Amino acid sequence: MLSRPWQASSFQCLEVVFGITSSVTRLLLVYRPPSTGRRGVPFNMFMDEFTNIMELFADRTNHHGRF
């Protein structure tokens, strides 16, 4: 397992990186449990964490970096 510079508590995600010669494609699969129930988290908490991770993901991708 690779270490990530971020940690989300309101959702789970899986990053898949495909590389063919000089081209790289990243796929980020996100699962957010329902807001209700025992493990439910508020939607605004999800949006805060998701926004932060997307900003980091976009910045790293634009600079050809890796998480």
N, C-alpha and C. Protein backbone atom coordinates (compact mmCIF):
# COMPACT_ATOMS: atom_id res chain seq x y z
N MET A 1 0.84 -1.18 0.00
CA MET A 1 0.00 0.00 0.00
C MET A 1 0.88 1.24 0.00
N LEU A 2 0.53 2.19 -0.83
CA LEU A 2 1.27 3.44 -0.91
C LEU A 2 0.76 4.41 0.14
N SER A 3 1.65 5.21 0.67
CA SER A 3 1.22 6.22 1.63
C SER A 3 0.70 7.44 0.87
N ARG A 4 -0.28 8.08 1.44
CA ARG A 4 -0.89 9.27 0.84
C ARG A 4 -0.68 10.46 1.77
N PRO A 5 -0.55 11.67 1.20
CA PRO A 5 -0.37 12.85 2.05
C PRO A 5 -1.69 13.36 2.61
N TRP A 6 -2.78 12.61 2.45
CA TRP A 6 -4.08 13.03 2.95
C TRP A 6 -4.81 11.84 3.55
N GLN A 7 -5.79 12.17 4.36
CA GLN A 7 -6.61 11.14 5.00
C GLN A 7 -8.05 11.63 5.00
N ALA A 8 -8.96 10.82 4.52
CA ALA A 8 -10.38 11.19 4.51
C ALA A 8 -11.12 10.33 5.52
N SER A 9 -11.97 10.95 6.30
CA SER A 9 -12.77 10.18 7.25
C SER A 9 -14.24 10.12 6.83
N SER A 10 -14.63 10.92 5.82
CA SER A 10 -16.03 10.95 5.41
C SER A 10 -16.31 10.12 4.16
N PHE A 11 -15.27 9.57 3.54
CA PHE A 11 -15.47 8.73 2.36
C PHE A 11 -14.26 7.83 2.16
N GLN A 12 -14.41 6.88 1.26
CA GLN A 12 -13.31 5.99 0.89
C GLN A 12 -13.00 6.25 -0.58
N CYS A 13 -11.74 6.07 -0.95
CA CYS A 13 -11.40 6.25 -2.36
C CYS A 13 -10.28 5.31 -2.77
N LEU A 14 -10.25 5.08 -4.06
CA LEU A 14 -9.25 4.22 -4.65
C LEU A 14 -8.69 4.94 -5.87
N GLU A 15 -7.38 5.09 -5.92
CA GLU A 15 -6.73 5.71 -7.06
C GLU A 15 -6.10 4.62 -7.91
N VAL A 16 -6.38 4.67 -9.21
CA VAL A 16 -5.80 3.74 -10.17
C VAL A 16 -5.05 4.56 -11.20
N VAL A 17 -3.80 4.20 -11.45
CA VAL A 17 -2.98 4.93 -12.42
C VAL A 17 -2.63 3.98 -13.56
N PHE A 18 -2.98 4.40 -14.77
CA PHE A 18 -2.66 3.65 -15.98
C PHE A 18 -1.55 4.39 -16.70
N GLY A 19 -0.50 3.70 -17.07
CA GLY A 19 0.58 4.34 -17.80
C GLY A 19 0.94 3.56 -19.06
N ILE A 20 0.91 4.27 -20.18
CA ILE A 20 1.31 3.68 -21.45
C ILE A 20 2.33 4.63 -22.07
N THR A 21 3.53 4.17 -22.21
CA THR A 21 4.67 4.97 -22.70
C THR A 21 4.72 6.31 -22.00
N SER A 22 4.44 7.40 -22.70
CA SER A 22 4.58 8.73 -22.08
C SER A 22 3.24 9.28 -21.58
N SER A 23 2.17 8.51 -21.67
CA SER A 23 0.85 8.96 -21.27
C SER A 23 0.44 8.31 -19.95
N VAL A 24 -0.12 9.11 -19.05
CA VAL A 24 -0.57 8.61 -17.76
C VAL A 24 -2.02 9.06 -17.54
N THR A 25 -2.86 8.13 -17.14
CA THR A 25 -4.25 8.44 -16.82
C THR A 25 -4.50 8.02 -15.38
N ARG A 26 -5.13 8.93 -14.63
CA ARG A 26 -5.46 8.65 -13.23
C ARG A 26 -6.97 8.56 -13.09
N LEU A 27 -7.41 7.57 -12.36
CA LEU A 27 -8.83 7.38 -12.07
C LEU A 27 -8.99 7.35 -10.57
N LEU A 28 -9.86 8.18 -10.06
CA LEU A 28 -10.12 8.23 -8.63
C LEU A 28 -11.57 7.82 -8.40
N LEU A 29 -11.76 6.68 -7.76
CA LEU A 29 -13.08 6.14 -7.48
C LEU A 29 -13.43 6.49 -6.04
N VAL A 30 -14.58 7.16 -5.85
CA VAL A 30 -14.97 7.66 -4.52
C VAL A 30 -16.27 7.00 -4.10
N TYR A 31 -16.29 6.51 -2.87
CA TYR A 31 -17.52 6.00 -2.26
C TYR A 31 -17.80 6.81 -1.01
N ARG A 32 -18.98 7.41 -0.96
CA ARG A 32 -19.42 8.16 0.22
C ARG A 32 -20.63 7.45 0.80
N PRO A 33 -20.51 6.94 2.02
CA PRO A 33 -21.67 6.30 2.66
C PRO A 33 -22.80 7.31 2.85
N PRO A 34 -24.02 6.82 2.98
CA PRO A 34 -25.15 7.72 3.22
C PRO A 34 -24.94 8.56 4.48
N SER A 35 -25.54 9.73 4.50
CA SER A 35 -25.41 10.63 5.66
C SER A 35 -26.17 10.14 6.87
N THR A 36 -27.08 9.21 6.67
CA THR A 36 -27.87 8.68 7.79
C THR A 36 -27.28 7.37 8.27
N GLY A 37 -27.70 6.94 9.43
CA GLY A 37 -27.23 5.67 9.96
C GLY A 37 -26.11 5.86 10.97
N ARG A 38 -25.58 4.73 11.42
CA ARG A 38 -24.54 4.75 12.46
C ARG A 38 -23.27 5.46 12.02
N ARG A 39 -22.85 5.22 10.80
CA ARG A 39 -21.56 5.76 10.36
C ARG A 39 -21.71 7.00 9.49
N GLY A 40 -22.90 7.57 9.46
CA GLY A 40 -23.15 8.73 8.62
C GLY A 40 -22.36 9.95 9.06
N VAL A 41 -21.89 10.69 8.09
CA VAL A 41 -21.18 11.95 8.38
C VAL A 41 -21.90 13.07 7.63
N PRO A 42 -21.86 14.28 8.16
CA PRO A 42 -22.54 15.40 7.51
C PRO A 42 -22.00 15.65 6.09
N PHE A 43 -22.90 16.07 5.21
CA PHE A 43 -22.52 16.34 3.83
C PHE A 43 -21.45 17.42 3.73
N ASN A 44 -21.53 18.45 4.57
CA ASN A 44 -20.53 19.53 4.51
C ASN A 44 -19.13 19.03 4.88
N MET A 45 -19.04 18.04 5.77
CA MET A 45 -17.74 17.45 6.10
C MET A 45 -17.18 16.72 4.88
N PHE A 46 -18.04 15.96 4.19
CA PHE A 46 -17.62 15.29 2.96
C PHE A 46 -17.14 16.31 1.93
N MET A 47 -17.90 17.37 1.72
CA MET A 47 -17.52 18.36 0.71
C MET A 47 -16.19 19.03 1.05
N ASP A 48 -15.96 19.33 2.31
CA ASP A 48 -14.68 19.93 2.72
C ASP A 48 -13.51 19.00 2.41
N GLU A 49 -13.62 17.75 2.83
CA GLU A 49 -12.54 16.79 2.58
C GLU A 49 -12.36 16.51 1.10
N PHE A 50 -13.47 16.33 0.38
CA PHE A 50 -13.41 16.03 -1.04
C PHE A 50 -12.77 17.19 -1.81
N THR A 51 -13.15 18.42 -1.49
CA THR A 51 -12.57 19.60 -2.14
C THR A 51 -11.07 19.67 -1.90
N ASN A 52 -10.64 19.45 -0.66
CA ASN A 52 -9.21 19.49 -0.35
C ASN A 52 -8.44 18.43 -1.13
N ILE A 53 -8.98 17.24 -1.22
CA ILE A 53 -8.29 16.16 -1.93
C ILE A 53 -8.26 16.43 -3.43
N MET A 54 -9.36 16.96 -3.98
CA MET A 54 -9.39 17.28 -5.42
C MET A 54 -8.38 18.37 -5.76
N GLU A 55 -8.24 19.36 -4.89
CA GLU A 55 -7.24 20.41 -5.12
C GLU A 55 -5.83 19.83 -5.12
N LEU A 56 -5.54 18.96 -4.17
CA LEU A 56 -4.23 18.32 -4.10
C LEU A 56 -4.01 17.43 -5.32
N PHE A 57 -5.02 16.66 -5.67
CA PHE A 57 -4.95 15.77 -6.83
C PHE A 57 -4.70 16.56 -8.11
N ALA A 58 -5.42 17.65 -8.31
CA ALA A 58 -5.26 18.48 -9.51
C ALA A 58 -3.87 19.13 -9.55
N ASP A 59 -3.41 19.62 -8.41
CA ASP A 59 -2.08 20.25 -8.36
C ASP A 59 -0.99 19.25 -8.70
N ARG A 60 -1.06 18.07 -8.12
CA ARG A 60 -0.05 17.03 -8.39
C ARG A 60 -0.11 16.59 -9.85
N THR A 61 -1.30 16.45 -10.40
CA THR A 61 -1.47 16.01 -11.77
C THR A 61 -0.93 17.07 -12.74
N ASN A 62 -1.22 18.34 -12.47
CA ASN A 62 -0.75 19.41 -13.35
C ASN A 62 0.76 19.52 -13.37
N HIS A 63 1.40 19.12 -12.29
CA HIS A 63 2.86 19.20 -12.21
C HIS A 63 3.52 17.85 -12.46
N HIS A 64 2.75 16.91 -12.98
CA HIS A 64 3.25 15.56 -13.30
C HIS A 64 3.83 14.87 -12.09
N GLY A 65 3.35 15.24 -10.91
CA GLY A 65 3.85 14.60 -9.70
C GLY A 65 3.02 13.39 -9.35
N ARG A 66 3.44 12.72 -8.34
CA ARG A 66 2.70 11.56 -7.85
C ARG A 66 2.37 11.77 -6.40
N PHE A 67 1.27 11.19 -5.97
CA PHE A 67 0.91 11.23 -4.55
C PHE A 67 1.87 10.39 -3.79
